[in-house]
C-alpha atoms as a PDB file:
ATOM      1  CA  MET A   1    -163.100-179.213 -27.009  1.00  0.00           C
ATOM      2  CA  GLY A   2    -164.579-176.439 -29.148  1.00  0.00           C
ATOM      3  CA  THR A   3    -161.314-174.493 -29.122  1.00  0.00           C
ATOM      4  CA  GLU A   4    -159.329-177.580 -30.085  1.00  0.00           C
ATOM      5  CA  CYS A   5    -161.714-178.384 -32.942  1.00  0.00           C
ATOM      6  CA  SER A   6    -161.453-174.809 -34.168  1.00  0.00           C
ATOM      7  CA  ARG A   7    -157.657-175.022 -34.147  1.00  0.00           C
ATOM      8  CA  ARG A   8    -157.731-178.280 -36.081  1.00  0.00           C
ATOM      9  CA  GLY A   9    -160.135-176.817 -38.634  1.00  0.00           C
ATOM     10  CA  SER A  10    -157.959-173.719 -39.098  1.00  0.00           C
ATOM     11  CA  LEU A  11    -154.857-175.888 -39.511  1.00  0.00           C
ATOM     12  CA  ALA A  12    -156.534-178.063 -42.155  1.00  0.00           C
ATOM     13  CA  LEU A  13    -157.718-174.968 -44.047  1.00  0.00           C
ATOM     14  CA  THR A  14    -154.249-173.375 -43.908  1.00  0.00           C
ATOM     15  CA  LEU A  15    -152.624-176.526 -45.278  1.00  0.00           C
ATOM     16  CA  ASN A  16    -155.243-176.660 -48.030  1.00  0.00           C
ATOM     17  CA  ILE A  17    -154.547-173.048 -49.065  1.00  0.00           C
ATOM     18  CA  VAL A  18    -150.784-173.699 -49.140  1.00  0.00           C
ATOM     19  CA  ALA A  19    -151.306-176.841 -51.233  1.00  0.00           C
ATOM     20  CA  PHE A  20    -153.583-175.033 -53.706  1.00  0.00           C
ATOM     21  CA  THR A  21    -151.148-172.116 -54.067  1.00  0.00           C
ATOM     22  CA  CYS A  22    -148.186-174.431 -54.709  1.00  0.00           C
ATOM     23  CA  ALA A  23    -150.171-176.543 -57.179  1.00  0.00           C
ATOM     24  CA  LEU A  24    -151.413-173.518 -59.126  1.00  0.00           C
ATOM     25  CA  SER A  25    -147.893-172.058 -59.269  1.00  0.00           C
ATOM     26  CA  ALA A  26    -146.461-175.360 -60.484  1.00  0.00           C
ATOM     27  CA  VAL A  27    -149.063-175.924 -63.194  1.00  0.00           C
ATOM     28  CA  THR A  28    -148.854-172.404 -64.626  1.00  0.00           C
ATOM     29  CA  THR A  29    -145.031-172.318 -64.842  1.00  0.00           C
ATOM     30  CA  SER A  30    -142.689-174.098 -67.246  1.00  0.00           C
ATOM     31  CA  PHE A  31    -139.854-175.087 -64.913  1.00  0.00           C
ATOM     32  CA  TRP A  32    -140.748-178.718 -64.216  1.00  0.00           C
ATOM     33  CA  CYS A  33    -137.588-179.832 -66.033  1.00  0.00           C
ATOM     34  CA  GLU A  34    -134.597-177.883 -67.279  1.00  0.00           C
ATOM     35  CA  GLY A  35    -131.305-178.666 -68.972  1.00  0.00           C
ATOM     36  CA  THR A  36    -129.182-177.982 -72.032  1.00  0.00           C
ATOM     37  CA  ARG A  37    -129.247-178.870 -75.728  1.00  0.00           C
ATOM     38  CA  LYS A  38    -126.192-179.307 -77.924  1.00  0.00           C
ATOM     39  CA  VAL A  39    -126.822-177.572 -81.264  1.00  0.00           C
ATOM     40  CA  VAL A  40    -124.623-176.514 -84.174  1.00  0.00           C
ATOM     41  CA  LYS A  41    -123.882-172.806 -84.249  1.00  0.00           C
ATOM     42  CA  PRO A  42    -125.669-170.981 -87.070  1.00  0.00           C
ATOM     43  CA  PHE A  43    -123.722-168.902 -89.547  1.00  0.00           C
ATOM     44  CA  CYS A  44    -123.429-165.241 -88.690  1.00  0.00           C
ATOM     45  CA  THR A  45    -125.543-162.925 -90.835  1.00  0.00           C
ATOM     46  CA  GLY A  46    -124.742-159.371 -91.765  1.00  0.00           C
ATOM     47  CA  PRO A  47    -121.442-157.562 -91.336  1.00  0.00           C
ATOM     48  CA  VAL A  48    -119.559-159.188 -88.472  1.00  0.00           C
ATOM     49  CA  THR A  49    -116.123-157.833 -87.653  1.00  0.00           C
ATOM     50  CA  THR A  50    -115.443-159.638 -84.402  1.00  0.00           C
ATOM     51  CA  ARG A  51    -115.666-163.257 -83.445  1.00  0.00           C
ATOM     52  CA  GLN A  52    -119.063-164.203 -81.965  1.00  0.00           C
ATOM     53  CA  SER A  53    -119.681-166.961 -79.427  1.00  0.00           C
ATOM     54  CA  TYR A  54    -123.130-167.878 -80.699  1.00  0.00           C
ATOM     55  CA  CYS A  55    -122.534-168.058 -84.478  1.00  0.00           C
ATOM     56  CA  ILE A  56    -119.876-169.098 -87.009  1.00  0.00           C
ATOM     57  CA  ARG A  57    -118.104-166.216 -88.751  1.00  0.00           C
ATOM     58  CA  PHE A  58    -116.358-166.486 -92.114  1.00  0.00           C
ATOM     59  CA  ASN A  59    -113.052-164.809 -92.745  1.00  0.00           C
ATOM     60  CA  SER A  60    -114.775-162.468 -95.183  1.00  0.00           C
ATOM     61  CA  SER A  61    -118.133-160.818 -94.927  1.00  0.00           C
ATOM     62  CA  ASN A  62    -118.646-161.154 -98.691  1.00  0.00           C
ATOM     63  CA  ILE A  63    -119.711-164.778 -98.726  1.00  0.00           C
ATOM     64  CA  ASN A  64    -121.292-164.434-102.201  1.00  0.00           C
ATOM     65  CA  ASP A  65    -117.954-163.759-103.877  1.00  0.00           C
ATOM     66  CA  SER A  66    -116.860-167.098-105.288  1.00  0.00           C
ATOM     67  CA  ARG A  67    -113.343-165.809-105.964  1.00  0.00           C
ATOM     68  CA  LEU A  68    -112.595-165.625-102.256  1.00  0.00           C
ATOM     69  CA  VAL A  69    -111.679-168.630-100.190  1.00  0.00           C
ATOM     70  CA  GLN A  70    -114.012-168.820 -97.206  1.00  0.00           C
ATOM     71  CA  TYR A  71    -112.953-170.510 -94.018  1.00  0.00           C
ATOM     72  CA  ILE A  72    -114.062-170.504 -90.408  1.00  0.00           C
ATOM     73  CA  TRP A  73    -112.162-170.226 -87.170  1.00  0.00           C
ATOM     74  CA  GLU A  74    -114.250-172.693 -85.172  1.00  0.00           C
ATOM     75  CA  SER A  75    -113.294-176.355 -85.006  1.00  0.00           C
ATOM     76  CA  GLY A  76    -114.323-179.372 -82.970  1.00  0.00           C
ATOM     77  CA  GLU A  77    -116.571-178.540 -80.035  1.00  0.00           C
ATOM     78  CA  GLU A  78    -116.337-174.837 -80.844  1.00  0.00           C
ATOM     79  CA  LYS A  79    -118.838-175.405 -83.640  1.00  0.00           C
ATOM     80  CA  PHE A  80    -121.483-176.416 -81.123  1.00  0.00           C
ATOM     81  CA  LEU A  81    -123.544-174.355 -78.749  1.00  0.00           C
ATOM     82  CA  MET A  82    -125.114-175.394 -75.420  1.00  0.00           C
ATOM     83  CA  ARG A  83    -128.543-173.812 -75.213  1.00  0.00           C
ATOM     84  CA  LYS A  84    -130.554-173.867 -71.988  1.00  0.00           C
ATOM     85  CA  PHE A  85    -134.172-174.951 -71.986  1.00  0.00           C
ATOM     86  CA  HIS A  86    -136.982-175.433 -69.450  1.00  0.00           C
ATOM     87  CA  THR A  87    -140.210-177.360 -69.848  1.00  0.00           C
ATOM     88  CA  GLY A  88    -143.593-177.414 -68.126  1.00  0.00           C
ATOM     89  CA  ILE A  89    -146.912-179.127 -68.685  1.00  0.00           C
ATOM     90  CA  PHE A  90    -148.037-176.642 -71.324  1.00  0.00           C
ATOM     91  CA  PHE A  91    -144.883-174.990 -72.729  1.00  0.00           C
ATOM     92  CA  SER A  92    -141.245-175.743 -73.514  1.00  0.00           C
ATOM     93  CA  CYS A  93    -138.890-172.764 -73.817  1.00  0.00           C
ATOM     94  CA  GLU A  94    -135.368-172.664 -75.313  1.00  0.00           C
ATOM     95  CA  GLN A  95    -132.756-169.942 -75.545  1.00  0.00           C
ATOM     96  CA  ALA A  96    -132.848-167.911 -78.730  1.00  0.00           C
ATOM     97  CA  ALA A  97    -130.130-168.172 -81.380  1.00  0.00           C
ATOM     98  CA  ASP A  98    -128.415-165.000 -80.120  1.00  0.00           C
ATOM     99  CA  MET A  99    -128.602-166.329 -76.515  1.00  0.00           C
ATOM    100  CA  ASN A 100    -130.878-163.437 -75.528  1.00  0.00           C
ATOM    101  CA  GLY A 101    -134.307-164.439 -74.254  1.00  0.00           C
ATOM    102  CA  PHE A 102    -136.263-167.639 -74.784  1.00  0.00           C
ATOM    103  CA  ASN A 103    -138.459-168.957 -77.580  1.00  0.00           C
ATOM    104  CA  CYS A 104    -141.401-171.065 -76.370  1.00  0.00           C
ATOM    105  CA  ARG A 105    -143.653-173.608 -78.059  1.00  0.00           C
ATOM    106  CA  ASP A 106    -146.409-175.970 -76.950  1.00  0.00           C
ATOM    107  CA  PHE A 107    -145.197-179.080 -75.229  1.00  0.00           C
ATOM    108  CA  LYS A 108    -147.911-181.124 -76.959  1.00  0.00           C
ATOM    109  CA  ASP A 109    -146.137-180.380 -80.263  1.00  0.00           C
ATOM    110  CA  ILE A 110    -142.965-181.957 -78.859  1.00  0.00           C
ATOM    111  CA  ALA A 111    -144.479-185.118 -77.378  1.00  0.00           C
ATOM    112  CA  PRO A 112    -144.542-188.125 -79.736  1.00  0.00           C
ATOM    113  CA  ASP A 113    -147.813-188.488 -81.611  1.00  0.00           C
ATOM    114  CA  HIS A 114    -148.548-191.988 -80.321  1.00  0.00           C
ATOM    115  CA  GLU A 115    -147.876-190.895 -76.713  1.00  0.00           C
ATOM    116  CA  LYS A 116    -149.891-187.667 -76.580  1.00  0.00           C
ATOM    117  CA  GLY A 117    -152.667-189.473 -74.753  1.00  0.00           C
ATOM    118  CA  VAL A 118    -150.450-189.674 -71.674  1.00  0.00           C
ATOM    119  CA  LEU A 119    -149.920-185.903 -71.795  1.00  0.00           C
ATOM    120  CA  TRP A 120    -153.660-185.218 -72.135  1.00  0.00           C
ATOM    121  CA  LEU A 121    -154.390-187.505 -69.188  1.00  0.00           C
ATOM    122  CA  CYS A 122    -151.779-185.595 -67.197  1.00  0.00           C
ATOM    123  CA  ILE A 123    -153.401-182.247 -68.037  1.00  0.00           C
ATOM    124  CA  THR A 124    -156.876-183.575 -67.179  1.00  0.00           C
ATOM    125  CA  ALA A 125    -155.691-185.020 -63.869  1.00  0.00           C
ATOM    126  CA  GLU A 126    -153.939-181.763 -62.930  1.00  0.00           C
ATOM    127  CA  CYS A 127    -157.109-179.757 -63.639  1.00  0.00           C
ATOM    128  CA  LEU A 128    -159.218-182.150 -61.556  1.00  0.00           C
ATOM    129  CA  TYR A 129    -156.599-181.948 -58.820  1.00  0.00           C
ATOM    130  CA  LEU A 130    -156.958-178.170 -58.631  1.00  0.00           C
ATOM    131  CA  ILE A 131    -160.775-178.284 -58.785  1.00  0.00           C
ATOM    132  CA  LEU A 132    -161.160-180.887 -56.018  1.00  0.00           C
ATOM    133  CA  LEU A 133    -158.537-179.192 -53.858  1.00  0.00           C
ATOM    134  CA  PHE A 134    -160.340-175.871 -54.195  1.00  0.00           C
ATOM    135  CA  THR A 135    -163.684-177.543 -53.403  1.00  0.00           C
ATOM    136  CA  GLY A 136    -162.222-179.108 -50.257  1.00  0.00           C
ATOM    137  CA  GLY A 137    -160.893-175.716 -49.168  1.00  0.00           C
ATOM    138  CA  VAL A 138    -164.295-174.076 -49.645  1.00  0.00           C
ATOM    139  CA  LEU A 139    -165.960-176.790 -47.542  1.00  0.00           C
ATOM    140  CA  MET A 140    -163.354-176.343 -44.798  1.00  0.00           C
ATOM    141  CA  TRP A 141    -163.999-172.600 -44.830  1.00  0.00           C
ATOM    142  CA  LEU A 142    -167.769-173.130 -44.566  1.00  0.00           C
ATOM    143  CA  GLU A 143    -167.204-175.550 -41.685  1.00  0.00           C
ATOM    144  CA  LEU A 144    -165.635-172.765 -39.611  1.00  0.00           C
ATOM    145  CA  CYS A 145    -168.801-170.675 -39.918  1.00  0.00           C
ATOM    146  CA  PRO A 146    -170.302-170.309 -36.399  1.00  0.00           C
ATOM    147  CA  CYS A 147    -173.887-170.219 -37.694  1.00  0.00           C
ATOM    148  CA  LEU A 148    -173.921-173.925 -38.591  1.00  0.00           C
ATOM    149  CA  SER A 149    -174.991-176.713 -36.269  1.00  0.00           C
ATOM    150  CA  VAL A 150    -172.615-179.385 -35.015  1.00  0.00           C
ATOM    151  CA  MET A 151    -174.033-182.081 -37.294  1.00  0.00           C
ATOM    152  CA  ASN A 152    -173.828-179.860 -40.367  1.00  0.00           C
ATOM    153  CA  LYS A 153    -170.210-179.030 -39.536  1.00  0.00           C
ATOM    154  CA  LEU A 154    -169.497-182.728 -39.139  1.00  0.00           C
ATOM    155  CA  LYS A 155    -170.950-183.469 -42.587  1.00  0.00           C
ATOM    156  CA  LEU A 156    -168.951-180.646 -44.171  1.00  0.00           C
ATOM    157  CA  ASN A 157    -165.813-181.941 -42.467  1.00  0.00           C
ATOM    158  CA  ALA A 158    -166.363-185.443 -43.867  1.00  0.00           C
ATOM    159  CA  PHE A 159    -166.893-184.164 -47.430  1.00  0.00           C
ATOM    160  CA  ALA A 160    -163.913-181.795 -47.158  1.00  0.00           C
ATOM    161  CA  ALA A 161    -161.632-184.646 -46.072  1.00  0.00           C
ATOM    162  CA  MET A 162    -162.939-186.854 -48.889  1.00  0.00           C
ATOM    163  CA  PHE A 163    -162.477-184.206 -51.620  1.00  0.00           C
ATOM    164  CA  THR A 164    -159.018-183.269 -50.368  1.00  0.00           C
ATOM    165  CA  ALA A 165    -157.802-186.873 -50.169  1.00  0.00           C
ATOM    166  CA  LEU A 166    -159.194-187.624 -53.646  1.00  0.00           C
ATOM    167  CA  SER A 167    -157.504-184.531 -55.075  1.00  0.00           C
ATOM    168  CA  GLY A 168    -154.195-185.640 -53.558  1.00  0.00           C
ATOM    169  CA  LEU A 169    -154.438-189.029 -55.269  1.00  0.00           C
ATOM    170  CA  LEU A 170    -155.226-187.376 -58.616  1.00  0.00           C
ATOM    171  CA  GLY A 171    -152.303-184.992 -58.135  1.00  0.00           C
ATOM    172  CA  MET A 172    -149.920-187.874 -57.524  1.00  0.00           C
ATOM    173  CA  VAL A 173    -151.113-189.642 -60.688  1.00  0.00           C
ATOM    174  CA  ALA A 174    -150.814-186.414 -62.716  1.00  0.00           C
ATOM    175  CA  HIS A 175    -147.239-185.754 -61.581  1.00  0.00           C
ATOM    176  CA  MET A 176    -146.196-189.305 -62.439  1.00  0.00           C
ATOM    177  CA  MET A 177    -147.865-189.030 -65.855  1.00  0.00           C
ATOM    178  CA  PHE A 178    -145.919-185.850 -66.646  1.00  0.00           C
ATOM    179  CA  THR A 179    -142.681-187.597 -65.707  1.00  0.00           C
ATOM    180  CA  THR A 180    -143.577-190.397 -68.133  1.00  0.00           C
ATOM    181  CA  ALA A 181    -144.578-187.983 -70.913  1.00  0.00           C
ATOM    182  CA  PHE A 182    -141.358-185.981 -70.576  1.00  0.00           C
ATOM    183  CA  GLN A 183    -139.124-189.045 -70.606  1.00  0.00           C
ATOM    184  CA  LEU A 184    -140.912-190.312 -73.711  1.00  0.00           C
ATOM    185  CA  ALA A 185    -140.337-186.929 -75.359  1.00  0.00           C
ATOM    186  CA  VAL A 186    -136.638-187.085 -74.482  1.00  0.00           C
ATOM    187  CA  ALA A 187    -136.323-190.561 -75.995  1.00  0.00           C
ATOM    188  CA  MET A 188    -138.599-190.225 -79.035  1.00  0.00           C
ATOM    189  CA  GLY A 189    -139.190-186.499 -79.476  1.00  0.00           C
ATOM    190  CA  PRO A 190    -138.059-184.385 -82.441  1.00  0.00           C
ATOM    191  CA  GLU A 191    -134.331-184.193 -83.129  1.00  0.00           C
ATOM    192  CA  ASP A 192    -134.277-180.405 -82.857  1.00  0.00           C
ATOM    193  CA  TRP A 193    -135.511-180.601 -79.257  1.00  0.00           C
ATOM    194  CA  ARG A 194    -133.910-183.628 -77.582  1.00  0.00           C
ATOM    195  CA  PRO A 195    -131.793-182.424 -74.661  1.00  0.00           C
ATOM    196  CA  LYS A 196    -128.215-183.440 -73.923  1.00  0.00           C
ATOM    197  CA  THR A 197    -128.594-183.068 -70.148  1.00  0.00           C
ATOM    198  CA  TRP A 198    -131.680-182.429 -68.021  1.00  0.00           C
ATOM    199  CA  ASP A 199    -132.951-182.572 -64.457  1.00  0.00           C
ATOM    200  CA  TYR A 200    -136.067-181.709 -62.470  1.00  0.00           C
ATOM    201  CA  SER A 201    -136.518-178.075 -61.478  1.00  0.00           C
ATOM    202  CA  TRP A 202    -138.339-176.012 -58.841  1.00  0.00           C
ATOM    203  CA  SER A 203    -141.830-176.316 -60.367  1.00  0.00           C
ATOM    204  CA  TYR A 204    -141.576-180.095 -60.068  1.00  0.00           C
ATOM    205  CA  ILE A 205    -140.564-179.720 -56.413  1.00  0.00           C
ATOM    206  CA  LEU A 206    -143.498-177.344 -55.859  1.00  0.00           C
ATOM    207  CA  ALA A 207    -145.885-179.888 -57.376  1.00  0.00           C
ATOM    208  CA  TRP A 208    -144.800-182.687 -55.050  1.00  0.00           C
ATOM    209  CA  GLY A 209    -144.719-180.302 -52.093  1.00  0.00           C
ATOM    210  CA  SER A 210    -148.315-179.412 -52.919  1.00  0.00           C
ATOM    211  CA  PHE A 211    -149.208-183.111 -52.923  1.00  0.00           C
ATOM    212  CA  ALA A 212    -147.612-183.648 -49.493  1.00  0.00           C
ATOM    213  CA  THR A 213    -149.350-180.591 -48.024  1.00  0.00           C
ATOM    214  CA  CYS A 214    -152.665-181.670 -49.547  1.00  0.00           C
ATOM    215  CA  MET A 215    -152.467-185.099 -47.920  1.00  0.00           C
ATOM    216  CA  ALA A 216    -151.520-183.488 -44.593  1.00  0.00           C
ATOM    217  CA  SER A 217    -154.625-181.312 -44.848  1.00  0.00           C
ATOM    218  CA  ALA A 218    -156.784-184.356 -45.621  1.00  0.00           C
ATOM    219  CA  VAL A 219    -155.349-186.317 -42.684  1.00  0.00           C
ATOM    220  CA  THR A 220    -155.932-183.372 -40.331  1.00  0.00           C
ATOM    221  CA  ALA A 221    -159.551-183.013 -41.443  1.00  0.00           C
ATOM    222  CA  LEU A 222    -160.149-186.762 -41.238  1.00  0.00           C
ATOM    223  CA  ASN A 223    -158.573-186.916 -37.791  1.00  0.00           C
ATOM    224  CA  ARG A 224    -160.929-184.210 -36.589  1.00  0.00           C
ATOM    225  CA  TYR A 225    -163.929-186.052 -38.034  1.00  0.00           C
ATOM    226  CA  THR A 226    -162.875-189.364 -36.478  1.00  0.00           C
ATOM    227  CA  LYS A 227    -162.263-187.803 -33.074  1.00  0.00           C
ATOM    228  CA  THR A 228    -165.687-186.159 -33.086  1.00  0.00           C
ATOM    229  CA  ILE A 229    -167.409-189.420 -34.049  1.00  0.00           C
ATOM    230  CA  VAL A 230    -165.574-191.314 -31.293  1.00  0.00           C
ATOM    231  CA  GLU A 231    -166.597-188.711 -28.705  1.00  0.00           C
ATOM    232  CA  PHE A 232    -170.231-188.891 -29.826  1.00  0.00           C
ATOM    233  CA  LYS A 233    -170.227-192.683 -29.606  1.00  0.00           C
ATOM    234  CA  TYR A 234    -168.610-192.559 -26.150  1.00  0.00           C
ATOM    235  CA  LYS A 235    -171.244-190.167 -24.822  1.00  0.00           C
ATOM    236  CA  ARG A 236    -174.047-192.176 -26.405  1.00  0.00           C
ATOM    237  CA  ARG A 237    -172.734-195.388 -24.860  1.00  0.00           C
ATOM    238  CA  ASN A 238    -172.618-193.765 -21.431  1.00  0.00           C
ATOM    239  CA  ILE A 239    -176.180-192.480 -21.775  1.00  0.00           C
ATOM    240  CA  GLU A 240    -177.444-195.881 -22.886  1.00  0.00           C
ATOM    241  CA  LYS A 241    -175.623-197.550 -19.972  1.00  0.00           C
ATOM    242  CA  ASN A 242    -177.167-195.156 -17.473  1.00  0.00           C
ATOM    243  CA  LEU A 243    -180.622-195.714 -18.920  1.00  0.00           C
ATOM    244  CA  ARG A 244    -180.239-199.488 -18.717  1.00  0.00           C
ATOM    245  CA  ILE A 245    -179.121-199.304 -15.074  1.00  0.00           C
ATOM    246  CA  LYS A 246    -181.979-196.965 -14.215  1.00  0.00           C
ATOM    247  CA  GLN A 247    -184.401-199.375 -15.842  1.00  0.00           C
ATOM    248  CA  LYS A 248    -183.027-202.211 -13.703  1.00  0.00           C
ATOM    249  CA  LEU A 249    -183.369-200.124 -10.556  1.00  0.00           C
ATOM    250  CA  LEU A 250    -186.934-199.245 -11.466  1.00  0.00           C
ATOM    251  CA  GLU A 251    -187.705-202.909 -12.016  1.00  0.00           C
ATOM    252  CA  MET A 252    -186.454-203.583  -8.455  1.00  0.00           C
ATOM    253  CA  ASP A 253    -188.999-201.012  -7.198  1.00  0.00           C
ATOM    254  CA  LEU A 254    -186.293-198.897  -5.568  1.00  0.00           C
ATOM    255  CA  PRO A 255    -187.082-195.352  -4.446  1.00  0.00           C
ATOM    256  CA  GLU A 256    -186.215-192.500  -6.775  1.00  0.00           C
ATOM    257  CA  HIS A 257    -183.579-191.133  -4.402  1.00  0.00           C
ATOM    258  CA  MET A 258    -181.534-194.342  -4.949  1.00  0.00           C
ATOM    259  CA  TRP A 259    -181.176-193.381  -8.609  1.00  0.00           C
ATOM    260  CA  ASP A 260    -179.998-189.938  -7.511  1.00  0.00           C
ATOM    261  CA  MET A 261    -177.391-191.608  -5.285  1.00  0.00           C
ATOM    262  CA  TYR A 262    -176.167-193.643  -8.253  1.00  0.00           C
ATOM    263  CA  LEU A 263    -175.792-190.561 -10.429  1.00  0.00           C
ATOM    264  CA  THR A 264    -173.789-188.922  -7.655  1.00  0.00           C
ATOM    265  CA  ALA A 265    -171.486-191.935  -7.354  1.00  0.00           C
ATOM    266  CA  VAL A 266    -170.801-192.424 -11.088  1.00  0.00           C
ATOM    267  CA  PRO A 267    -168.483-189.384 -11.536  1.00  0.00           C
ATOM    268  CA  ALA A 268    -166.253-190.730  -8.768  1.00  0.00           C
ATOM    269  CA  ARG A 269    -165.444-193.702 -10.964  1.00  0.00           C
ATOM    270  CA  GLY A 270    -163.423-191.531 -13.368  1.00  0.00           C
ATOM    271  CA  GLU A 271    -162.864-192.049 -17.064  1.00  0.00           C
ATOM    272  CA  GLY A 272    -160.447-194.874 -16.376  1.00  0.00           C
ATOM    273  CA  ASN A 273    -163.265-197.028 -14.960  1.00  0.00           C
ATOM    274  CA  ALA A 274    -165.844-196.295 -17.607  1.00  0.00           C
ATOM    275  CA  GLY A 275    -167.058-199.898 -17.789  1.00  0.00           C
ATOM    276  CA  PRO A 276    -170.578-200.933 -16.732  1.00  0.00           C
ATOM    277  CA  LEU A 277    -171.325-200.778 -13.041  1.00  0.00           C
ATOM    278  CA  ASP A 278    -172.263-204.128 -11.449  1.00  0.00           C
ATOM    279  CA  LEU A 279    -175.385-203.979  -9.356  1.00  0.00           C
ATOM    280  CA  PRO A 280    -175.057-205.389  -5.803  1.00  0.00           C
ATOM    281  CA  VAL A 281    -176.571-208.721  -4.964  1.00  0.00           C
ATOM    282  CA  ASN A 282    -177.955-209.207  -1.440  1.00  0.00           C
ATOM    283  CA  GLY A 283    -176.082-206.144  -0.194  1.00  0.00           C
ATOM    284  CA  HIS A 284    -172.585-207.408  -1.130  1.00  0.00           C
ATOM    285  CA  LYS A 285    -170.034-205.101  -2.729  1.00  0.00           C
ATOM    286  CA  PRO A 286    -169.309-205.701  -6.444  1.00  0.00           C
ATOM    287  CA  SER A 287    -166.000-207.324  -7.369  1.00  0.00           C
ATOM    288  CA  THR A 288    -164.775-204.188  -9.172  1.00  0.00           C
ATOM    289  CA  GLY A 289    -164.396-202.235  -5.942  1.00  0.00           C
ATOM    290  CA  ALA A 290    -166.138-199.228  -7.464  1.00  0.00           C
ATOM    291  CA  ALA A 291    -168.867-197.152  -5.931  1.00  0.00           C
ATOM    292  CA  TYR A 292    -172.016-199.184  -5.436  1.00  0.00           C
ATOM    293  CA  VAL A 293    -175.558-199.072  -4.172  1.00  0.00           C
ATOM    294  CA  MET A 294    -176.644-201.338  -1.300  1.00  0.00           C
ATOM    295  CA  GLY A 295    -179.329-203.932  -1.699  1.00  0.00           C
ATOM    296  CA  LEU A 296    -182.930-203.446  -0.793  1.00  0.00           C
ATOM    297  CA  ASP A 297    -182.607-205.203   2.522  1.00  0.00           C
ATOM    298  CA  SER A 298    -179.698-203.081   3.804  1.00  0.00           C
ATOM    299  CA  MET A 299    -180.017-199.694   2.163  1.00  0.00           C
ATOM    300  CA  THR A 300    -180.336-197.804   5.429  1.00  0.00           C
ATOM    301  CA  GLY A 301    -178.114-197.680   8.524  1.00  0.00           C
ATOM    302  CA  PRO A 302    -179.080-197.928  12.157  1.00  0.00           C
ATOM    303  CA  GLN A 303    -180.240-194.328  12.230  1.00  0.00           C
ATOM    304  CA  GLY A 304    -182.048-194.556   8.896  1.00  0.00           C
ATOM    305  CA  GLU A 305    -179.155-192.921   6.991  1.00  0.00           C
ATOM    306  CA  ALA A 306    -178.541-194.082   3.460  1.00  0.00           C
ATOM    307  CA  TYR A 307    -174.986-195.261   2.721  1.00  0.00           C
ATOM    308  CA  CYS A 308    -173.132-197.058   0.010  1.00  0.00           C
END
């Protein structure tokens, strides 16, 4: 049983570490959602001799000369540019005007003013999620320490399961709050940010994968705690049953060796017949058909041998 408990504890700790790593990676990256924005191409600046894909070029580089007729080559959809963007809990990044690199800004500056409370609740819940998940992992690690007693390990296991399960619930709420905050930003955010197309990205998948792994770790720890409690109660019930039967035998003024015979017969019953043993009445065999002890008037055979 000790080896099995150790394996369960190691499995719960491993799942907790995986969940914490995925959650930390998701929170610190800005790829929860990604997509494209449709923006008007800016005018090209400086001497431009060739046609550029990211800006609008005039037919003449001397745009200050009013005597020249200025016209552009782009028309229709060619005047627009599809810029990629990706957004996380803290930052939103968009491709630069020259399509090289990304320019980032705080996501709280993009969220509507009257809906920023949802974003702050999301950030708070994510931080609590990481703190409680880390606390549960530390308790699971302490539980594996061989210097602790069984009862202390059992208490640590209970608290670890509780902290991990609570962190999972907070993580689920935080992820749903971010989804709400982002959709509100898409619908009511600033015009220079609203995306044309968007979808969830790998950080969002990591966040929900962390939640699933966290709950698996909590269930594993709770299962270990429940199994240990059930085993303790089973052993305690057996001890109490044996003490009650011994008390009854002592009240019948039976010799001590009769109690020893009972203890020898109990293992033969097996775990499948773990119910209470019926004491014989007037030397008759109990109805269960299990091992039994003969009555006082017939506890010895013809040669004085004890039998049951």
